[in-house]
Amino acid sequence: MWRTGIGMSHLSRAPDWADAFRSLYEFSYADLLKFVQRRTQTANAEDVVAEAFLVVWRRFSEAPADEKDARAWVFGIARNLMLNARRGEQRHQALGVRLAETTPNFYIDSHDDLVSSRIDLSRAWALLSEVHQEALGLAVFEDLAAPQAAKVLGISPVAFRLRLTRARRALRLLLHHLPRNASGIPAASPEKASTP
């Protein structure tokens, strides 16, 4: 629900589109900041979000009418800004997500098991392709439904669902096939090289 009372269905017809922009900003800011913080250095996150909302302001006439679609549209703008800023970096670091902070600890009996499972998950995550990381990140961390996640990536919802299925399968395979010791990190994986 929009805090200022201007629903997205009235966005394009709002007499004062600055109020509609403010409503979208208030609705999306906190989630967008978390989205960016998971993908970039925390110190740079607010700058990326500010730049994203500058682009939103300039292109506000293109904002989708539905509030969920508009939120996904803003995420897509921020994602494109981050990708443009990182073209020169290594692919492995482009869209990493800090898993240790968000790993659920259910079914874990001891501290040692928790540490071990986080290490396994972090190692498996690092071996996933960037495409698989992004699909899982949008579905799990950003809690976006397939239509909204597809808008972020600029693909169809069917293509996103297929990509997410492949990403989940790849993560499961890696988790079941990684060696248990922390020093035996594999140098490469067939999943890393595959394209969805």
C-alpha atoms as a PDB file:
ATOM      1  CA  MET A   1       0.000   0.000   0.000  1.00  0.00           C
ATOM      2  CA  TRP A   2       1.296   3.388  -0.950  1.00  0.00           C
ATOM      3  CA  ARG A   3       1.872   5.651   2.053  1.00  0.00           C
ATOM      4  CA  THR A   4       0.856   8.907   0.402  1.00  0.00           C
ATOM      5  CA  GLY A   5      -2.430   7.501  -0.814  1.00  0.00           C
ATOM      6  CA  ILE A   6      -1.514   7.702  -4.503  1.00  0.00           C
ATOM      7  CA  GLY A   7      -1.840   4.172  -5.830  1.00  0.00           C
ATOM      8  CA  MET A   8       0.205   3.004  -8.767  1.00  0.00           C
ATOM      9  CA  SER A   9      -2.975   2.550 -10.772  1.00  0.00           C
ATOM     10  CA  HIS A  10      -3.281   6.347 -10.691  1.00  0.00           C
ATOM     11  CA  LEU A  11       0.425   6.957 -11.243  1.00  0.00           C
ATOM     12  CA  SER A  12       0.264   8.069 -14.851  1.00  0.00           C
ATOM     13  CA  ARG A  13      -2.866  10.157 -14.243  1.00  0.00           C
ATOM     14  CA  ALA A  14      -1.700  11.808 -11.011  1.00  0.00           C
ATOM     15  CA  PRO A  15      -2.044  15.600 -11.293  1.00  0.00           C
ATOM     16  CA  ASP A  16       1.172  16.016  -9.352  1.00  0.00           C
ATOM     17  CA  TRP A  17       3.538  13.283 -10.485  1.00  0.00           C
ATOM     18  CA  ALA A  18       6.082  14.483  -7.947  1.00  0.00           C
ATOM     19  CA  ASP A  19       3.775  13.067  -5.263  1.00  0.00           C
ATOM     20  CA  ALA A  20       3.546   9.803  -7.184  1.00  0.00           C
ATOM     21  CA  PHE A  21       7.355   9.692  -7.438  1.00  0.00           C
ATOM     22  CA  ARG A  22       7.639  10.373  -3.701  1.00  0.00           C
ATOM     23  CA  SER A  23       5.203   7.523  -3.064  1.00  0.00           C
ATOM     24  CA  LEU A  24       7.260   5.113  -5.199  1.00  0.00           C
ATOM     25  CA  TYR A  25      10.430   6.301  -3.460  1.00  0.00           C
ATOM     26  CA  GLU A  26       8.993   5.695   0.020  1.00  0.00           C
ATOM     27  CA  PHE A  27       7.573   2.322  -1.033  1.00  0.00           C
ATOM     28  CA  SER A  28      10.812   1.056  -2.619  1.00  0.00           C
ATOM     29  CA  TYR A  29      13.743   2.760  -0.877  1.00  0.00           C
ATOM     30  CA  ALA A  30      14.370   0.359   2.042  1.00  0.00           C
ATOM     31  CA  ASP A  31      14.081  -2.768  -0.116  1.00  0.00           C
ATOM     32  CA  LEU A  32      16.201  -1.252  -2.868  1.00  0.00           C
ATOM     33  CA  LEU A  33      18.940  -0.344  -0.395  1.00  0.00           C
ATOM     34  CA  LYS A  34      19.027  -3.954   0.872  1.00  0.00           C
ATOM     35  CA  PHE A  35      19.041  -5.200  -2.724  1.00  0.00           C
ATOM     36  CA  VAL A  36      22.065  -3.025  -3.544  1.00  0.00           C
ATOM     37  CA  GLN A  37      23.890  -3.754  -0.270  1.00  0.00           C
ATOM     38  CA  ARG A  38      23.825  -7.473  -1.087  1.00  0.00           C
ATOM     39  CA  ARG A  39      25.526  -6.800  -4.403  1.00  0.00           C
ATOM     40  CA  THR A  40      28.038  -4.066  -3.709  1.00  0.00           C
ATOM     41  CA  GLN A  41      30.179  -2.626  -0.952  1.00  0.00           C
ATOM     42  CA  THR A  42      28.013  -1.222   1.821  1.00  0.00           C
ATOM     43  CA  ALA A  43      29.776   2.149   1.616  1.00  0.00           C
ATOM     44  CA  ASN A  44      28.677   2.530  -2.032  1.00  0.00           C
ATOM     45  CA  ALA A  45      25.103   1.292  -1.644  1.00  0.00           C
ATOM     46  CA  GLU A  46      23.471   4.623  -0.859  1.00  0.00           C
ATOM     47  CA  ASP A  47      25.215   6.233  -3.837  1.00  0.00           C
ATOM     48  CA  VAL A  48      23.902   3.538  -6.162  1.00  0.00           C
ATOM     49  CA  VAL A  49      20.387   3.906  -4.759  1.00  0.00           C
ATOM     50  CA  ALA A  50      20.532   7.684  -5.161  1.00  0.00           C
ATOM     51  CA  GLU A  51      21.695   7.309  -8.758  1.00  0.00           C
ATOM     52  CA  ALA A  52      18.935   4.769  -9.410  1.00  0.00           C
ATOM     53  CA  PHE A  53      16.266   7.145  -8.155  1.00  0.00           C
ATOM     54  CA  LEU A  54      17.739   9.910 -10.299  1.00  0.00           C
ATOM     55  CA  VAL A  55      17.204   7.656 -13.312  1.00  0.00           C
ATOM     56  CA  VAL A  56      13.691   6.824 -12.040  1.00  0.00           C
ATOM     57  CA  TRP A  57      12.936  10.548 -11.765  1.00  0.00           C
ATOM     58  CA  ARG A  58      14.120  11.165 -15.327  1.00  0.00           C
ATOM     59  CA  ARG A  59      12.222   8.186 -16.730  1.00  0.00           C
ATOM     60  CA  PHE A  60       9.217   8.350 -14.424  1.00  0.00           C
ATOM     61  CA  SER A  61       6.754   8.440 -17.300  1.00  0.00           C
ATOM     62  CA  GLU A  62       7.883   4.852 -18.097  1.00  0.00           C
ATOM     63  CA  ALA A  63       7.062   3.523 -14.611  1.00  0.00           C
ATOM     64  CA  PRO A  64       4.667   0.557 -14.642  1.00  0.00           C
ATOM     65  CA  ALA A  65       1.231   1.179 -13.162  1.00  0.00           C
ATOM     66  CA  ASP A  66       1.254  -1.818 -10.810  1.00  0.00           C
ATOM     67  CA  GLU A  67       3.164  -1.224  -7.545  1.00  0.00           C
ATOM     68  CA  LYS A  68       4.938  -4.609  -7.630  1.00  0.00           C
ATOM     69  CA  ASP A  69       5.958  -4.080 -11.243  1.00  0.00           C
ATOM     70  CA  ALA A  70       7.152  -0.560 -10.443  1.00  0.00           C
ATOM     71  CA  ARG A  71       9.260  -1.912  -7.570  1.00  0.00           C
ATOM     72  CA  ALA A  72      10.800  -4.512  -9.900  1.00  0.00           C
ATOM     73  CA  TRP A  73      11.406  -1.776 -12.499  1.00  0.00           C
ATOM     74  CA  VAL A  74      13.356   0.256  -9.919  1.00  0.00           C
ATOM     75  CA  PHE A  75      15.357  -2.871  -8.976  1.00  0.00           C
ATOM     76  CA  GLY A  76      16.144  -3.360 -12.673  1.00  0.00           C
ATOM     77  CA  ILE A  77      17.434   0.192 -12.980  1.00  0.00           C
ATOM     78  CA  ALA A  78      19.685  -0.241  -9.927  1.00  0.00           C
ATOM     79  CA  ARG A  79      20.909  -3.586 -11.236  1.00  0.00           C
ATOM     80  CA  ASN A  80      21.824  -2.068 -14.602  1.00  0.00           C
ATOM     81  CA  LEU A  81      23.702   0.745 -12.888  1.00  0.00           C
ATOM     82  CA  MET A  82      25.713  -1.745 -10.845  1.00  0.00           C
ATOM     83  CA  LEU A  83      26.465  -3.856 -13.918  1.00  0.00           C
ATOM     84  CA  ASN A  84      27.649  -0.829 -15.849  1.00  0.00           C
ATOM     85  CA  ALA A  85      29.899   0.195 -12.958  1.00  0.00           C
ATOM     86  CA  ARG A  86      31.456  -3.263 -12.709  1.00  0.00           C
ATOM     87  CA  ARG A  87      32.184  -4.158 -16.316  1.00  0.00           C
ATOM     88  CA  GLY A  88      35.922  -4.104 -15.655  1.00  0.00           C
ATOM     89  CA  GLU A  89      35.791  -6.300 -12.534  1.00  0.00           C
ATOM     90  CA  GLN A  90      36.110 -10.026 -12.458  1.00  0.00           C
ATOM     91  CA  ARG A  91      32.895 -11.858 -13.253  1.00  0.00           C
ATOM     92  CA  HIS A  92      33.101 -13.850 -10.040  1.00  0.00           C
ATOM     93  CA  GLN A  93      32.772 -10.692  -7.919  1.00  0.00           C
ATOM     94  CA  ALA A  94      30.142  -8.900 -10.038  1.00  0.00           C
ATOM     95  CA  LEU A  95      27.019  -9.912  -8.137  1.00  0.00           C
ATOM     96  CA  GLY A  96      28.144 -11.747  -4.998  1.00  0.00           C
ATOM     97  CA  VAL A  97      25.691 -11.993  -2.157  1.00  0.00           C
ATOM     98  CA  ARG A  98      26.785 -12.035   1.478  1.00  0.00           C
ATOM     99  CA  LEU A  99      25.378 -15.440   2.415  1.00  0.00           C
ATOM    100  CA  ALA A 100      26.822 -15.707   5.895  1.00  0.00           C
ATOM    101  CA  GLU A 101      24.538 -12.935   7.159  1.00  0.00           C
ATOM    102  CA  THR A 102      21.377 -14.451   5.724  1.00  0.00           C
ATOM    103  CA  THR A 103      21.853 -18.212   5.984  1.00  0.00           C
ATOM    104  CA  PRO A 104      18.954 -19.731   7.936  1.00  0.00           C
ATOM    105  CA  ASN A 105      20.118 -21.853  10.855  1.00  0.00           C
ATOM    106  CA  PHE A 106      17.226 -24.286  11.169  1.00  0.00           C
ATOM    107  CA  TYR A 107      18.054 -28.014  11.443  1.00  0.00           C
ATOM    108  CA  ILE A 108      21.483 -27.195  12.882  1.00  0.00           C
ATOM    109  CA  ASP A 109      22.302 -28.782  16.208  1.00  0.00           C
ATOM    110  CA  SER A 110      25.592 -27.141  17.131  1.00  0.00           C
ATOM    111  CA  HIS A 111      27.779 -24.143  16.455  1.00  0.00           C
ATOM    112  CA  ASP A 112      30.228 -26.357  14.550  1.00  0.00           C
ATOM    113  CA  ASP A 113      27.423 -27.599  12.292  1.00  0.00           C
ATOM    114  CA  LEU A 114      26.282 -24.023  11.676  1.00  0.00           C
ATOM    115  CA  VAL A 115      29.792 -22.916  10.718  1.00  0.00           C
ATOM    116  CA  SER A 116      30.266 -25.965   8.516  1.00  0.00           C
ATOM    117  CA  SER A 117      26.966 -25.456   6.690  1.00  0.00           C
ATOM    118  CA  ARG A 118      27.726 -21.765   6.103  1.00  0.00           C
ATOM    119  CA  ILE A 119      31.158 -22.631   4.731  1.00  0.00           C
ATOM    120  CA  ASP A 120      29.637 -25.271   2.443  1.00  0.00           C
ATOM    121  CA  LEU A 121      26.960 -22.862   1.234  1.00  0.00           C
ATOM    122  CA  SER A 122      29.463 -20.048   0.673  1.00  0.00           C
ATOM    123  CA  ARG A 123      31.764 -22.353  -1.286  1.00  0.00           C
ATOM    124  CA  ALA A 124      28.893 -23.690  -3.381  1.00  0.00           C
ATOM    125  CA  TRP A 125      27.618 -20.158  -3.999  1.00  0.00           C
ATOM    126  CA  ALA A 126      31.048 -19.019  -5.187  1.00  0.00           C
ATOM    127  CA  LEU A 127      31.084 -21.843  -7.739  1.00  0.00           C
ATOM    128  CA  LEU A 128      27.693 -20.957  -9.194  1.00  0.00           C
ATOM    129  CA  SER A 129      27.575 -18.950 -12.387  1.00  0.00           C
ATOM    130  CA  GLU A 130      26.640 -15.283 -12.094  1.00  0.00           C
ATOM    131  CA  VAL A 131      23.350 -16.036 -13.862  1.00  0.00           C
ATOM    132  CA  HIS A 132      22.454 -18.687 -11.279  1.00  0.00           C
ATOM    133  CA  GLN A 133      23.462 -16.409  -8.389  1.00  0.00           C
ATOM    134  CA  GLU A 134      21.254 -13.626  -9.702  1.00  0.00           C
ATOM    135  CA  ALA A 135      18.217 -15.877 -10.224  1.00  0.00           C
ATOM    136  CA  LEU A 136      18.485 -17.308  -6.700  1.00  0.00           C
ATOM    137  CA  GLY A 137      19.170 -13.885  -5.203  1.00  0.00           C
ATOM    138  CA  LEU A 138      16.077 -12.320  -6.759  1.00  0.00           C
ATOM    139  CA  ALA A 139      13.837 -15.194  -5.692  1.00  0.00           C
ATOM    140  CA  VAL A 140      15.225 -15.821  -2.193  1.00  0.00           C
ATOM    141  CA  PHE A 141      16.730 -12.582  -0.917  1.00  0.00           C
ATOM    142  CA  GLU A 142      14.567 -10.036  -2.748  1.00  0.00           C
ATOM    143  CA  ASP A 143      11.429 -12.227  -2.530  1.00  0.00           C
ATOM    144  CA  LEU A 144      10.369 -11.318  -6.049  1.00  0.00           C
ATOM    145  CA  ALA A 145       7.756 -13.391  -7.848  1.00  0.00           C
ATOM    146  CA  ALA A 146       8.703 -14.711 -11.291  1.00  0.00           C
ATOM    147  CA  PRO A 147       6.986 -11.895 -13.248  1.00  0.00           C
ATOM    148  CA  GLN A 148       8.762  -9.179 -11.239  1.00  0.00           C
ATOM    149  CA  ALA A 149      12.137 -10.956 -11.218  1.00  0.00           C
ATOM    150  CA  ALA A 150      11.811 -11.426 -14.973  1.00  0.00           C
ATOM    151  CA  LYS A 151      11.287  -7.675 -15.365  1.00  0.00           C
ATOM    152  CA  VAL A 152      14.454  -6.992 -13.362  1.00  0.00           C
ATOM    153  CA  LEU A 153      16.429  -9.243 -15.726  1.00  0.00           C
ATOM    154  CA  GLY A 154      14.626  -8.209 -18.906  1.00  0.00           C
ATOM    155  CA  ILE A 155      13.427 -11.748 -19.710  1.00  0.00           C
ATOM    156  CA  SER A 156      10.067 -13.522 -19.800  1.00  0.00           C
ATOM    157  CA  PRO A 157       8.584 -15.049 -16.612  1.00  0.00           C
ATOM    158  CA  VAL A 158       8.841 -18.507 -18.213  1.00  0.00           C
ATOM    159  CA  ALA A 159      12.546 -17.947 -18.934  1.00  0.00           C
ATOM    160  CA  PHE A 160      13.068 -16.795 -15.349  1.00  0.00           C
ATOM    161  CA  ARG A 161      11.328 -19.861 -13.906  1.00  0.00           C
ATOM    162  CA  LEU A 162      13.518 -22.105 -16.056  1.00  0.00           C
ATOM    163  CA  ARG A 163      16.637 -20.187 -14.988  1.00  0.00           C
ATOM    164  CA  LEU A 164      15.627 -20.456 -11.317  1.00  0.00           C
ATOM    165  CA  THR A 165      15.018 -24.213 -11.623  1.00  0.00           C
ATOM    166  CA  ARG A 166      18.454 -24.680 -13.162  1.00  0.00           C
ATOM    167  CA  ALA A 167      20.065 -22.489 -10.489  1.00  0.00           C
ATOM    168  CA  ARG A 168      18.451 -24.486  -7.678  1.00  0.00           C
ATOM    169  CA  ARG A 169      19.557 -27.751  -9.278  1.00  0.00           C
ATOM    170  CA  ALA A 170      23.115 -26.465  -9.693  1.00  0.00           C
ATOM    171  CA  LEU A 171      23.289 -25.324  -6.055  1.00  0.00           C
ATOM    172  CA  ARG A 172      21.921 -28.665  -4.828  1.00  0.00           C
ATOM    173  CA  LEU A 173      24.477 -30.572  -6.888  1.00  0.00           C
ATOM    174  CA  LEU A 174      27.320 -28.447  -5.577  1.00  0.00           C
ATOM    175  CA  LEU A 175      26.203 -28.812  -1.971  1.00  0.00           C
ATOM    176  CA  HIS A 176      26.048 -32.597  -2.296  1.00  0.00           C
ATOM    177  CA  HIS A 177      29.382 -32.956  -4.106  1.00  0.00           C
ATOM    178  CA  LEU A 178      31.717 -30.528  -2.358  1.00  0.00           C
ATOM    179  CA  PRO A 179      34.416 -32.042  -0.145  1.00  0.00           C
ATOM    180  CA  ARG A 180      33.715 -31.485   3.553  1.00  0.00           C
ATOM    181  CA  ASN A 181      37.076 -29.998   4.562  1.00  0.00           C
ATOM    182  CA  ALA A 182      37.476 -26.221   4.379  1.00  0.00           C
ATOM    183  CA  SER A 183      40.849 -26.371   2.665  1.00  0.00           C
ATOM    184  CA  GLY A 184      39.672 -28.475  -0.292  1.00  0.00           C
ATOM    185  CA  ILE A 185      37.953 -25.727  -2.245  1.00  0.00           C
ATOM    186  CA  PRO A 186      37.648 -26.842  -5.864  1.00  0.00           C
ATOM    187  CA  ALA A 187      39.305 -24.523  -8.362  1.00  0.00           C
ATOM    188  CA  ALA A 188      36.594 -24.814 -10.987  1.00  0.00           C
ATOM    189  CA  SER A 189      33.212 -26.334 -11.599  1.00  0.00           C
ATOM    190  CA  PRO A 190      31.298 -27.327 -14.714  1.00  0.00           C
ATOM    191  CA  GLU A 191      28.385 -25.282 -13.349  1.00  0.00           C
ATOM    192  CA  LYS A 192      30.509 -22.125 -13.354  1.00  0.00           C
ATOM    193  CA  ALA A 193      31.167 -22.434 -17.035  1.00  0.00           C
ATOM    194  CA  SER A 194      27.650 -23.421 -18.065  1.00  0.00           C
ATOM    195  CA  THR A 195      25.124 -20.983 -19.402  1.00  0.00           C
ATOM    196  CA  PRO A 196      21.487 -21.302 -18.444  1.00  0.00           C
END
